[in-house]
PDB file of N, CA and C in Angstrom:
ATOM      1  N   MET A   1     -14.848  16.576 -26.109  1.00  0.00           N
ATOM      2  CA  MET A   1     -14.161  16.412 -24.938  1.00  0.00           C
ATOM      3  C   MET A   1     -12.910  15.699 -25.073  1.00  0.00           C
ATOM      4  N   ARG A   2     -11.792  16.000 -24.407  1.00  0.00           N
ATOM      5  CA  ARG A   2     -10.459  15.594 -24.239  1.00  0.00           C
ATOM      6  C   ARG A   2     -10.191  14.769 -23.155  1.00  0.00           C
ATOM      7  N   VAL A   3      -9.081  13.787 -23.296  1.00  0.00           N
ATOM      8  CA  VAL A   3      -8.964  12.798 -22.003  1.00  0.00           C
ATOM      9  C   VAL A   3      -7.464  13.427 -21.694  1.00  0.00           C
ATOM     10  N   ILE A   4      -7.201  13.881 -20.685  1.00  0.00           N
ATOM     11  CA  ILE A   4      -5.625  14.000 -20.231  1.00  0.00           C
ATOM     12  C   ILE A   4      -5.188  13.126 -19.075  1.00  0.00           C
ATOM     13  N   ILE A   5      -3.933  12.228 -19.280  1.00  0.00           N
ATOM     14  CA  ILE A   5      -3.217  11.566 -18.080  1.00  0.00           C
ATOM     15  C   ILE A   5      -2.476  12.578 -17.151  1.00  0.00           C
ATOM     16  N   THR A   6      -2.648  12.834 -16.042  1.00  0.00           N
ATOM     17  CA  THR A   6      -1.670  13.779 -15.660  1.00  0.00           C
ATOM     18  C   THR A   6      -0.353  13.123 -15.413  1.00  0.00           C
ATOM     19  N   GLU A   7       0.632  13.393 -14.893  1.00  0.00           N
ATOM     20  CA  GLU A   7       2.057  13.150 -14.657  1.00  0.00           C
ATOM     21  C   GLU A   7       1.807  11.794 -13.439  1.00  0.00           C
ATOM     22  N   GLN A   8       1.158  12.228 -12.538  1.00  0.00           N
ATOM     23  CA  GLN A   8       0.704  11.039 -11.565  1.00  0.00           C
ATOM     24  C   GLN A   8       0.124   9.807 -12.123  1.00  0.00           C
ATOM     25  N   GLY A   9      -1.039  10.269 -12.892  1.00  0.00           N
ATOM     26  CA  GLY A   9      -1.931   9.153 -13.624  1.00  0.00           C
ATOM     27  C   GLY A   9      -0.844   8.290 -14.748  1.00  0.00           C
ATOM     28  N   ARG A  10       0.347   8.908 -15.427  1.00  0.00           N
ATOM     29  CA  ARG A  10       1.055   8.243 -16.109  1.00  0.00           C
ATOM     30  C   ARG A  10       1.924   7.312 -15.492  1.00  0.00           C
ATOM     31  N   SER A  11       2.428   7.739 -14.347  1.00  0.00           N
ATOM     32  CA  SER A  11       3.369   7.193 -13.545  1.00  0.00           C
ATOM     33  C   SER A  11       2.767   5.948 -13.105  1.00  0.00           C
ATOM     34  N   ALA A  12       1.548   6.104 -12.411  1.00  0.00           N
ATOM     35  CA  ALA A  12       0.752   4.874 -12.062  1.00  0.00           C
ATOM     36  C   ALA A  12       0.111   3.960 -13.227  1.00  0.00           C
ATOM     37  N   LEU A  13      -0.084   4.332 -14.220  1.00  0.00           N
ATOM     38  CA  LEU A  13      -0.047   3.529 -15.233  1.00  0.00           C
ATOM     39  C   LEU A  13       0.873   2.616 -15.603  1.00  0.00           C
ATOM     40  N   ASP A  14       1.884   3.459 -15.684  1.00  0.00           N
ATOM     41  CA  ASP A  14       3.149   2.524 -16.218  1.00  0.00           C
ATOM     42  C   ASP A  14       3.692   1.680 -14.873  1.00  0.00           C
ATOM     43  N   ASP A  15       3.145   1.892 -13.618  1.00  0.00           N
ATOM     44  CA  ASP A  15       3.472   1.006 -12.451  1.00  0.00           C
ATOM     45  C   ASP A  15       2.682  -0.139 -12.803  1.00  0.00           C
ATOM     46  N   VAL A  16       1.165  -0.126 -13.075  1.00  0.00           N
ATOM     47  CA  VAL A  16       0.314  -1.228 -13.369  1.00  0.00           C
ATOM     48  C   VAL A  16       0.805  -2.191 -14.485  1.00  0.00           C
ATOM     49  N   LEU A  17       1.296  -1.388 -15.523  1.00  0.00           N
ATOM     50  CA  LEU A  17       1.921  -2.228 -16.959  1.00  0.00           C
ATOM     51  C   LEU A  17       3.023  -2.689 -16.903  1.00  0.00           C
ATOM     52  N   SER A  18       3.699  -2.439 -15.557  1.00  0.00           N
ATOM     53  CA  SER A  18       4.977  -3.325 -15.555  1.00  0.00           C
ATOM     54  C   SER A  18       4.784  -4.229 -14.669  1.00  0.00           C
ATOM     55  N   GLY A  19       3.741  -4.523 -13.583  1.00  0.00           N
ATOM     56  CA  GLY A  19       3.538  -5.243 -12.907  1.00  0.00           C
ATOM     57  C   GLY A  19       3.915  -5.220 -11.748  1.00  0.00           C
ATOM     58  N   SER A  20       4.369  -3.819 -11.350  1.00  0.00           N
ATOM     59  CA  SER A  20       5.127  -3.551  -9.941  1.00  0.00           C
ATOM     60  C   SER A  20       4.180  -3.426  -8.916  1.00  0.00           C
ATOM     61  N   ILE A  21       2.964  -2.802  -9.001  1.00  0.00           N
ATOM     62  CA  ILE A  21       1.996  -2.565  -7.971  1.00  0.00           C
ATOM     63  C   ILE A  21       1.128  -3.514  -7.823  1.00  0.00           C
ATOM     64  N   THR A  22       0.410  -4.071  -9.334  1.00  0.00           N
ATOM     65  CA  THR A  22      -0.644  -5.222  -9.067  1.00  0.00           C
ATOM     66  C   THR A  22      -0.115  -6.532  -9.613  1.00  0.00           C
ATOM     67  N   PRO A  23      -0.401  -7.763  -9.038  1.00  0.00           N
ATOM     68  CA  PRO A  23       0.220  -9.163  -9.285  1.00  0.00           C
ATOM     69  C   PRO A  23      -0.855  -9.809 -10.200  1.00  0.00           C
ATOM     70  N   MET A  24      -0.775  -9.193 -11.397  1.00  0.00           N
ATOM     71  CA  MET A  24      -1.788  -9.458 -12.577  1.00  0.00           C
ATOM     72  C   MET A  24      -1.495 -10.515 -13.423  1.00  0.00           C
ATOM     73  N   GLY A  25       0.267 -10.801 -13.467  1.00  0.00           N
ATOM     74  CA  GLY A  25       0.614 -11.570 -14.826  1.00  0.00           C
ATOM     75  C   GLY A  25       0.278 -11.192 -16.199  1.00  0.00           C
ATOM     76  N   LYS A  26       1.397 -11.418 -17.098  1.00  0.00           N
ATOM     77  CA  LYS A  26       0.970 -11.071 -18.563  1.00  0.00           C
ATOM     78  C   LYS A  26      -0.085 -11.036 -18.855  1.00  0.00           C
ATOM     79  N   LYS A  27      -1.249 -11.945 -19.018  1.00  0.00           N
ATOM     80  CA  LYS A  27      -2.198 -11.767 -19.631  1.00  0.00           C
ATOM     81  C   LYS A  27      -3.246 -11.133 -18.878  1.00  0.00           C
ATOM     82  N   GLY A  28      -3.305 -10.645 -17.408  1.00  0.00           N
ATOM     83  CA  GLY A  28      -4.021  -9.760 -16.680  1.00  0.00           C
ATOM     84  C   GLY A  28      -3.678  -8.448 -16.855  1.00  0.00           C
ATOM     85  N   ILE A  29      -2.430  -8.289 -17.256  1.00  0.00           N
ATOM     86  CA  ILE A  29      -1.924  -6.910 -17.712  1.00  0.00           C
ATOM     87  C   ILE A  29      -2.396  -6.442 -19.435  1.00  0.00           C
ATOM     88  N   LYS A  30      -2.309  -7.473 -19.794  1.00  0.00           N
ATOM     89  CA  LYS A  30      -2.699  -7.176 -21.309  1.00  0.00           C
ATOM     90  C   LYS A  30      -4.435  -7.010 -21.543  1.00  0.00           C
ATOM     91  N   SER A  31      -5.068  -7.651 -20.617  1.00  0.00           N
ATOM     92  CA  SER A  31      -6.299  -7.246 -20.538  1.00  0.00           C
ATOM     93  C   SER A  31      -6.668  -6.119 -20.005  1.00  0.00           C
ATOM     94  N   PHE A  32      -6.020  -6.028 -18.716  1.00  0.00           N
ATOM     95  CA  PHE A  32      -6.323  -4.349 -18.183  1.00  0.00           C
ATOM     96  C   PHE A  32      -5.817  -3.387 -19.160  1.00  0.00           C
ATOM     97  N   TYR A  33      -4.614  -3.293 -20.108  1.00  0.00           N
ATOM     98  CA  TYR A  33      -4.459  -2.345 -20.789  1.00  0.00           C
ATOM     99  C   TYR A  33      -5.815  -2.450 -21.707  1.00  0.00           C
ATOM    100  N   ALA A  34      -6.197  -3.199 -22.492  1.00  0.00           N
ATOM    101  CA  ALA A  34      -7.374  -3.243 -23.210  1.00  0.00           C
ATOM    102  C   ALA A  34      -8.623  -2.880 -22.947  1.00  0.00           C
ATOM    103  N   THR A  35      -8.909  -2.971 -21.657  1.00  0.00           N
ATOM    104  CA  THR A  35     -10.055  -2.458 -21.009  1.00  0.00           C
ATOM    105  C   THR A  35      -9.887  -0.814 -20.619  1.00  0.00           C
ATOM    106  N   PHE A  36      -8.725  -0.420 -20.255  1.00  0.00           N
ATOM    107  CA  PHE A  36      -8.346   0.758 -20.262  1.00  0.00           C
ATOM    108  C   PHE A  36      -8.663   1.813 -21.315  1.00  0.00           C
ATOM    109  N   LYS A  37      -7.878   1.311 -22.534  1.00  0.00           N
ATOM    110  CA  LYS A  37      -8.204   1.779 -23.666  1.00  0.00           C
ATOM    111  C   LYS A  37      -9.627   1.907 -24.132  1.00  0.00           C
ATOM    112  N   ASN A  38     -10.587   0.989 -24.114  1.00  0.00           N
ATOM    113  CA  ASN A  38     -11.613   0.941 -24.379  1.00  0.00           C
ATOM    114  C   ASN A  38     -12.412   2.167 -23.486  1.00  0.00           C
ATOM    115  N   HIS A  39     -12.225   2.066 -22.239  1.00  0.00           N
ATOM    116  CA  HIS A  39     -12.774   3.145 -21.330  1.00  0.00           C
ATOM    117  C   HIS A  39     -12.435   4.367 -21.672  1.00  0.00           C
ATOM    118  N   LYS A  40     -11.028   4.806 -21.920  1.00  0.00           N
ATOM    119  CA  LYS A  40     -10.240   5.845 -22.235  1.00  0.00           C
ATOM    120  C   LYS A  40     -11.124   6.530 -23.671  1.00  0.00           C
ATOM    121  N   SER A  41     -11.558   5.689 -24.747  1.00  0.00           N
ATOM    122  CA  SER A  41     -12.147   5.959 -25.654  1.00  0.00           C
ATOM    123  C   SER A  41     -13.708   6.289 -25.553  1.00  0.00           C
ATOM    124  N   LEU A  42     -14.370   5.699 -24.583  1.00  0.00           N
ATOM    125  CA  LEU A  42     -15.642   6.031 -24.217  1.00  0.00           C
ATOM    126  C   LEU A  42     -15.857   7.376 -23.467  1.00  0.00           C
ATOM    127  N   LEU A  43     -14.855   7.800 -22.532  1.00  0.00           N
ATOM    128  CA  LEU A  43     -15.195   8.688 -21.553  1.00  0.00           C
ATOM    129  C   LEU A  43     -15.584   9.836 -22.141  1.00  0.00           C
ATOM    130  N   PRO A  44     -15.140  10.269 -23.384  1.00  0.00           N
ATOM    131  CA  PRO A  44     -15.492  11.759 -23.829  1.00  0.00           C
ATOM    132  C   PRO A  44     -16.931  11.656 -24.280  1.00  0.00           C
ATOM    133  N   MET A  45     -17.328  10.782 -24.586  1.00  0.00           N
ATOM    134  CA  MET A  45     -18.659  10.465 -24.834  1.00  0.00           C
ATOM    135  C   MET A  45     -19.708  10.383 -23.447  1.00  0.00           C
ATOM    136  N   ASN A  46     -19.308   9.519 -22.724  1.00  0.00           N
ATOM    137  CA  ASN A  46     -19.895   9.317 -21.665  1.00  0.00           C
ATOM    138  C   ASN A  46     -19.083   9.878 -20.319  1.00  0.00           C
ATOM    139  N   PRO A  47     -19.087  11.149 -20.112  1.00  0.00           N
ATOM    140  CA  PRO A  47     -17.764  11.475 -18.840  1.00  0.00           C
ATOM    141  C   PRO A  47     -18.245  10.861 -17.695  1.00  0.00           C
ATOM    142  N   LEU A  48     -19.643  10.733 -17.182  1.00  0.00           N
ATOM    143  CA  LEU A  48     -20.055  10.378 -15.866  1.00  0.00           C
ATOM    144  C   LEU A  48     -20.166   8.789 -15.867  1.00  0.00           C
ATOM    145  N   MET A  49     -19.833   8.001 -16.734  1.00  0.00           N
ATOM    146  CA  MET A  49     -19.747   6.764 -16.529  1.00  0.00           C
ATOM    147  C   MET A  49     -19.353   5.853 -15.350  1.00  0.00           C
ATOM    148  N   GLY A  50     -18.240   6.634 -14.933  1.00  0.00           N
ATOM    149  CA  GLY A  50     -17.457   6.027 -13.699  1.00  0.00           C
ATOM    150  C   GLY A  50     -18.258   6.491 -12.348  1.00  0.00           C
ATOM    151  N   ASN A  51     -18.338   5.805 -11.056  1.00  0.00           N
ATOM    152  CA  ASN A  51     -18.995   6.314 -10.164  1.00  0.00           C
ATOM    153  C   ASN A  51     -18.283   7.503  -8.997  1.00  0.00           C
ATOM    154  N   GLN A  52     -18.802   8.233  -8.304  1.00  0.00           N
ATOM    155  CA  GLN A  52     -18.167   9.074  -7.815  1.00  0.00           C
ATOM    156  C   GLN A  52     -17.550   8.387  -6.504  1.00  0.00           C
ATOM    157  N   GLU A  53     -16.443   8.618  -6.576  1.00  0.00           N
ATOM    158  CA  GLU A  53     -15.253   7.489  -5.503  1.00  0.00           C
ATOM    159  C   GLU A  53     -15.520   8.492  -4.302  1.00  0.00           C
ATOM    160  N   PRO A  54     -16.043   7.274  -3.362  1.00  0.00           N
ATOM    161  CA  PRO A  54     -16.556   7.634  -1.864  1.00  0.00           C
ATOM    162  C   PRO A  54     -15.409   8.193  -1.065  1.00  0.00           C
ATOM    163  N   LEU A  55     -14.147   7.571  -1.196  1.00  0.00           N
ATOM    164  CA  LEU A  55     -12.927   7.987  -0.568  1.00  0.00           C
ATOM    165  C   LEU A  55     -12.401   9.599  -0.859  1.00  0.00           C
ATOM    166  N   LEU A  56     -12.995  10.153  -1.834  1.00  0.00           N
ATOM    167  CA  LEU A  56     -12.546  11.642  -2.058  1.00  0.00           C
ATOM    168  C   LEU A  56     -13.540  12.238  -2.277  1.00  0.00           C
ATOM    169  N   SER A  57     -13.394  13.865  -2.589  1.00  0.00           N
ATOM    170  CA  SER A  57     -14.401  14.706  -2.772  1.00  0.00           C
ATOM    171  C   SER A  57     -15.541  14.386  -4.022  1.00  0.00           C
ATOM    172  N   GLU A  58     -16.416  14.991  -3.998  1.00  0.00           N
ATOM    173  CA  GLU A  58     -17.048  14.790  -5.181  1.00  0.00           C
ATOM    174  C   GLU A  58     -16.686  14.957  -6.558  1.00  0.00           C
ATOM    175  N   LYS A  59     -15.685  15.826  -6.147  1.00  0.00           N
ATOM    176  CA  LYS A  59     -15.144  16.114  -7.915  1.00  0.00           C
ATOM    177  C   LYS A  59     -14.432  14.668  -8.636  1.00  0.00           C
ATOM    178  N   TYR A  60     -14.311  13.806  -7.782  1.00  0.00           N
ATOM    179  CA  TYR A  60     -13.334  12.347  -8.337  1.00  0.00           C
ATOM    180  C   TYR A  60     -14.466  11.085  -8.644  1.00  0.00           C
ATOM    181  N   ARG A  61     -14.122  10.771  -9.731  1.00  0.00           N
ATOM    182  CA  ARG A  61     -14.852   9.594 -10.162  1.00  0.00           C
ATOM    183  C   ARG A  61     -13.853   8.455 -10.250  1.00  0.00           C
ATOM    184  N   SER A  62     -14.445   7.365 -10.361  1.00  0.00           N
ATOM    185  CA  SER A  62     -13.388   6.024 -10.388  1.00  0.00           C
ATOM    186  C   SER A  62     -14.378   4.904 -11.222  1.00  0.00           C
ATOM    187  N   ILE A  63     -13.527   4.267 -12.145  1.00  0.00           N
ATOM    188  CA  ILE A  63     -13.952   3.245 -12.775  1.00  0.00           C
ATOM    189  C   ILE A  63     -13.101   1.855 -12.384  1.00  0.00           C
ATOM    190  N   VAL A  64     -13.542   0.736 -12.167  1.00  0.00           N
ATOM    191  CA  VAL A  64     -12.983  -0.364 -11.889  1.00  0.00           C
ATOM    192  C   VAL A  64     -12.278  -1.048 -13.148  1.00  0.00           C
ATOM    193  N   LEU A  65     -11.314  -1.150 -13.436  1.00  0.00           N
ATOM    194  CA  LEU A  65     -11.133  -1.620 -15.010  1.00  0.00           C
ATOM    195  C   LEU A  65     -10.240  -3.051 -14.791  1.00  0.00           C
ATOM    196  N   HIS A  66      -9.859  -3.210 -13.517  1.00  0.00           N
ATOM    197  CA  HIS A  66      -9.650  -4.896 -13.414  1.00  0.00           C
ATOM    198  C   HIS A  66      -9.923  -5.015 -11.874  1.00  0.00           C
ATOM    199  N   PRO A  67     -10.262  -6.414 -11.655  1.00  0.00           N
ATOM    200  CA  PRO A  67     -10.721  -6.595  -9.951  1.00  0.00           C
ATOM    201  C   PRO A  67      -9.675  -5.813  -8.972  1.00  0.00           C
ATOM    202  N   LEU A  68      -8.374  -5.382  -9.323  1.00  0.00           N
ATOM    203  CA  LEU A  68      -7.467  -5.114  -8.539  1.00  0.00           C
ATOM    204  C   LEU A  68      -7.083  -3.650  -8.676  1.00  0.00           C
ATOM    205  N   VAL A  69      -7.461  -2.742  -9.851  1.00  0.00           N
ATOM    206  CA  VAL A  69      -6.989  -1.986 -10.276  1.00  0.00           C
ATOM    207  C   VAL A  69      -8.349  -0.629 -10.741  1.00  0.00           C
ATOM    208  N   LYS A  70      -8.178   0.300 -10.192  1.00  0.00           N
ATOM    209  CA  LYS A  70      -9.489   1.281 -10.164  1.00  0.00           C
ATOM    210  C   LYS A  70      -8.771   2.908 -10.839  1.00  0.00           C
ATOM    211  N   MET A  71      -9.562   3.204 -11.786  1.00  0.00           N
ATOM    212  CA  MET A  71      -9.128   4.499 -12.404  1.00  0.00           C
ATOM    213  C   MET A  71      -9.583   5.615 -11.951  1.00  0.00           C
ATOM    214  N   ILE A  72      -9.087   6.665 -11.469  1.00  0.00           N
ATOM    215  CA  ILE A  72      -9.260   7.864 -10.802  1.00  0.00           C
ATOM    216  C   ILE A  72      -9.422   8.765 -11.966  1.00  0.00           C
ATOM    217  N   TYR A  73     -10.570   9.762 -11.881  1.00  0.00           N
ATOM    218  CA  TYR A  73     -10.393  10.823 -12.914  1.00  0.00           C
ATOM    219  C   TYR A  73     -10.995  11.885 -12.440  1.00  0.00           C
ATOM    220  N   SER A  74     -11.179  12.852 -13.088  1.00  0.00           N
ATOM    221  CA  SER A  74     -12.062  14.090 -12.589  1.00  0.00           C
ATOM    222  C   SER A  74     -12.633  14.713 -13.846  1.00  0.00           C
ATOM    223  N   ILE A  75     -13.527  15.639 -14.052  1.00  0.00           N
ATOM    224  CA  ILE A  75     -14.072  16.500 -15.128  1.00  0.00           C
ATOM    225  C   ILE A  75     -13.724  17.844 -14.611  1.00  0.00           C
ATOM    226  N   ASP A  76     -13.190  18.600 -15.986  1.00  0.00           N
ATOM    227  CA  ASP A  76     -13.376  20.083 -15.584  1.00  0.00           C
ATOM    228  C   ASP A  76     -13.224  20.705 -16.623  1.00  0.00           C
ATOM    229  N   ASN A  77     -14.599  21.225 -17.083  1.00  0.00           N
ATOM    230  CA  ASN A  77     -15.042  21.768 -18.228  1.00  0.00           C
ATOM    231  C   ASN A  77     -15.324  20.857 -19.427  1.00  0.00           C
ATOM    232  N   ASP A  78     -14.387  21.034 -20.419  1.00  0.00           N
ATOM    233  CA  ASP A  78     -14.281  20.020 -21.467  1.00  0.00           C
ATOM    234  C   ASP A  78     -13.217  19.137 -21.506  1.00  0.00           C
ATOM    235  N   THR A  79     -12.694  18.692 -20.278  1.00  0.00           N
ATOM    236  CA  THR A  79     -11.520  17.993 -20.060  1.00  0.00           C
ATOM    237  C   THR A  79     -11.701  17.083 -19.194  1.00  0.00           C
ATOM    238  N   ILE A  80     -11.088  15.861 -19.315  1.00  0.00           N
ATOM    239  CA  ILE A  80     -11.192  14.615 -18.315  1.00  0.00           C
ATOM    240  C   ILE A  80      -9.652  14.546 -17.897  1.00  0.00           C
ATOM    241  N   TYR A  81      -9.535  14.287 -16.815  1.00  0.00           N
ATOM    242  CA  TYR A  81      -8.247  14.201 -16.141  1.00  0.00           C
ATOM    243  C   TYR A  81      -8.061  12.892 -15.341  1.00  0.00           C
ATOM    244  N   ILE A  82      -7.158  12.186 -15.912  1.00  0.00           N
ATOM    245  CA  ILE A  82      -6.868  10.872 -15.355  1.00  0.00           C
ATOM    246  C   ILE A  82      -5.828  11.038 -14.267  1.00  0.00           C
ATOM    247  N   HIS A  83      -6.311  10.657 -13.085  1.00  0.00           N
ATOM    248  CA  HIS A  83      -5.339  11.451 -12.041  1.00  0.00           C
ATOM    249  C   HIS A  83      -4.443   9.911 -11.550  1.00  0.00           C
ATOM    250  N   ASP A  84      -4.923   8.990 -11.465  1.00  0.00           N
ATOM    251  CA  ASP A  84      -4.020   7.841 -10.662  1.00  0.00           C
ATOM    252  C   ASP A  84      -5.048   6.265 -11.146  1.00  0.00           C
ATOM    253  N   PHE A  85      -4.244   5.434 -10.820  1.00  0.00           N
ATOM    254  CA  PHE A  85      -4.741   4.201 -10.822  1.00  0.00           C
ATOM    255  C   PHE A  85      -4.155   3.402  -9.583  1.00  0.00           C
ATOM    256  N   TRP A  86      -5.659   3.029  -8.759  1.00  0.00           N
ATOM    257  CA  TRP A  86      -5.171   2.663  -7.354  1.00  0.00           C
ATOM    258  C   TRP A  86      -5.508   0.880  -7.561  1.00  0.00           C
ATOM    259  N   ASN A  87      -4.253   0.558  -6.468  1.00  0.00           N
ATOM    260  CA  ASN A  87      -4.568  -0.931  -6.532  1.00  0.00           C
ATOM    261  C   ASN A  87      -5.573  -1.126  -5.291  1.00  0.00           C
ATOM    262  N   THR A  88      -6.834  -1.824  -5.295  1.00  0.00           N
ATOM    263  CA  THR A  88      -7.620  -1.807  -4.593  1.00  0.00           C
ATOM    264  C   THR A  88      -7.568  -2.496  -3.136  1.00  0.00           C
ATOM    265  N   LEU A  89      -6.109  -3.218  -3.326  1.00  0.00           N
ATOM    266  CA  LEU A  89      -5.753  -3.769  -2.052  1.00  0.00           C
ATOM    267  C   LEU A  89      -5.082  -3.033  -1.140  1.00  0.00           C
ATOM    268  N   ARG A  90      -4.459  -1.804  -1.620  1.00  0.00           N
ATOM    269  CA  ARG A  90      -3.827  -1.038  -0.856  1.00  0.00           C
ATOM    270  C   ARG A  90      -4.401  -0.266   0.357  1.00  0.00           C
ATOM    271  N   ASP A  91      -3.680   0.183   1.328  1.00  0.00           N
ATOM    272  CA  ASP A  91      -4.496   1.178   2.236  1.00  0.00           C
ATOM    273  C   ASP A  91      -5.421   2.134   1.656  1.00  0.00           C
ATOM    274  N   PRO A  92      -6.299   2.273   2.097  1.00  0.00           N
ATOM    275  CA  PRO A  92      -7.292   3.433   1.467  1.00  0.00           C
ATOM    276  C   PRO A  92      -6.463   4.835   1.893  1.00  0.00           C
ATOM    277  N   ASN A  93      -6.067   5.260   2.996  1.00  0.00           N
ATOM    278  CA  ASN A  93      -5.319   6.438   3.577  1.00  0.00           C
ATOM    279  C   ASN A  93      -4.148   6.423   2.635  1.00  0.00           C
ATOM    280  N   TYR A  94      -3.294   5.619   1.965  1.00  0.00           N
ATOM    281  CA  TYR A  94      -2.288   5.715   1.357  1.00  0.00           C
ATOM    282  C   TYR A  94      -2.672   6.355   0.222  1.00  0.00           C
ATOM    283  N   LEU A  95      -3.722   5.635  -0.439  1.00  0.00           N
ATOM    284  CA  LEU A  95      -4.338   6.058  -1.769  1.00  0.00           C
ATOM    285  C   LEU A  95      -4.680   7.580  -1.820  1.00  0.00           C
ATOM    286  N   ILE A  96      -5.376   7.893  -0.969  1.00  0.00           N
ATOM    287  CA  ILE A  96      -5.958   9.106  -0.774  1.00  0.00           C
ATOM    288  C   ILE A  96      -5.002  10.143  -0.841  1.00  0.00           C
ATOM    289  N   SER A  97      -3.861  10.033   0.058  1.00  0.00           N
ATOM    290  CA  SER A  97      -2.620  11.092   0.159  1.00  0.00           C
ATOM    291  C   SER A  97      -2.072  11.166  -1.410  1.00  0.00           C
ATOM    292  N   ARG A  98      -2.127  10.290  -2.119  1.00  0.00           N
ATOM    293  CA  ARG A  98      -1.781  10.414  -3.537  1.00  0.00           C
ATOM    294  C   ARG A  98      -2.481  11.614  -4.262  1.00  0.00           C
ATOM    295  N   ILE A  99      -3.693  11.357  -4.190  1.00  0.00           N
ATOM    296  CA  ILE A  99      -4.455  12.603  -4.674  1.00  0.00           C
ATOM    297  C   ILE A  99      -4.463  13.908  -4.099  1.00  0.00           C
ATOM    298  N   HIS A 100      -4.276  13.969  -2.998  1.00  0.00           N
ATOM    299  CA  HIS A 100      -4.559  15.506  -2.056  1.00  0.00           C
ATOM    300  C   HIS A 100      -3.076  16.058  -2.056  1.00  0.00           C
TER     301      HIS A 100
END
């Protein structure tokens, strides 16, 4: 199984790493990125490790990587697509609109 980060996902990841969407500080960003890399490497062996995302259709799953950030992904055949990284403090309707 392979993991692909979509264009939206890459943009959101860049925003998290730059600190522009989540106030984590340098230590928090470093910790978040280490957690992300770890989960990204585990996903192919355990693609259902995330929970079904209750704000989206059953197709989407999420994993909380930091108290302020969750990763949204889906599984399609032998591919895992990372769609977005959500700041958990944001308005859920805005976050949902980014996926649909």
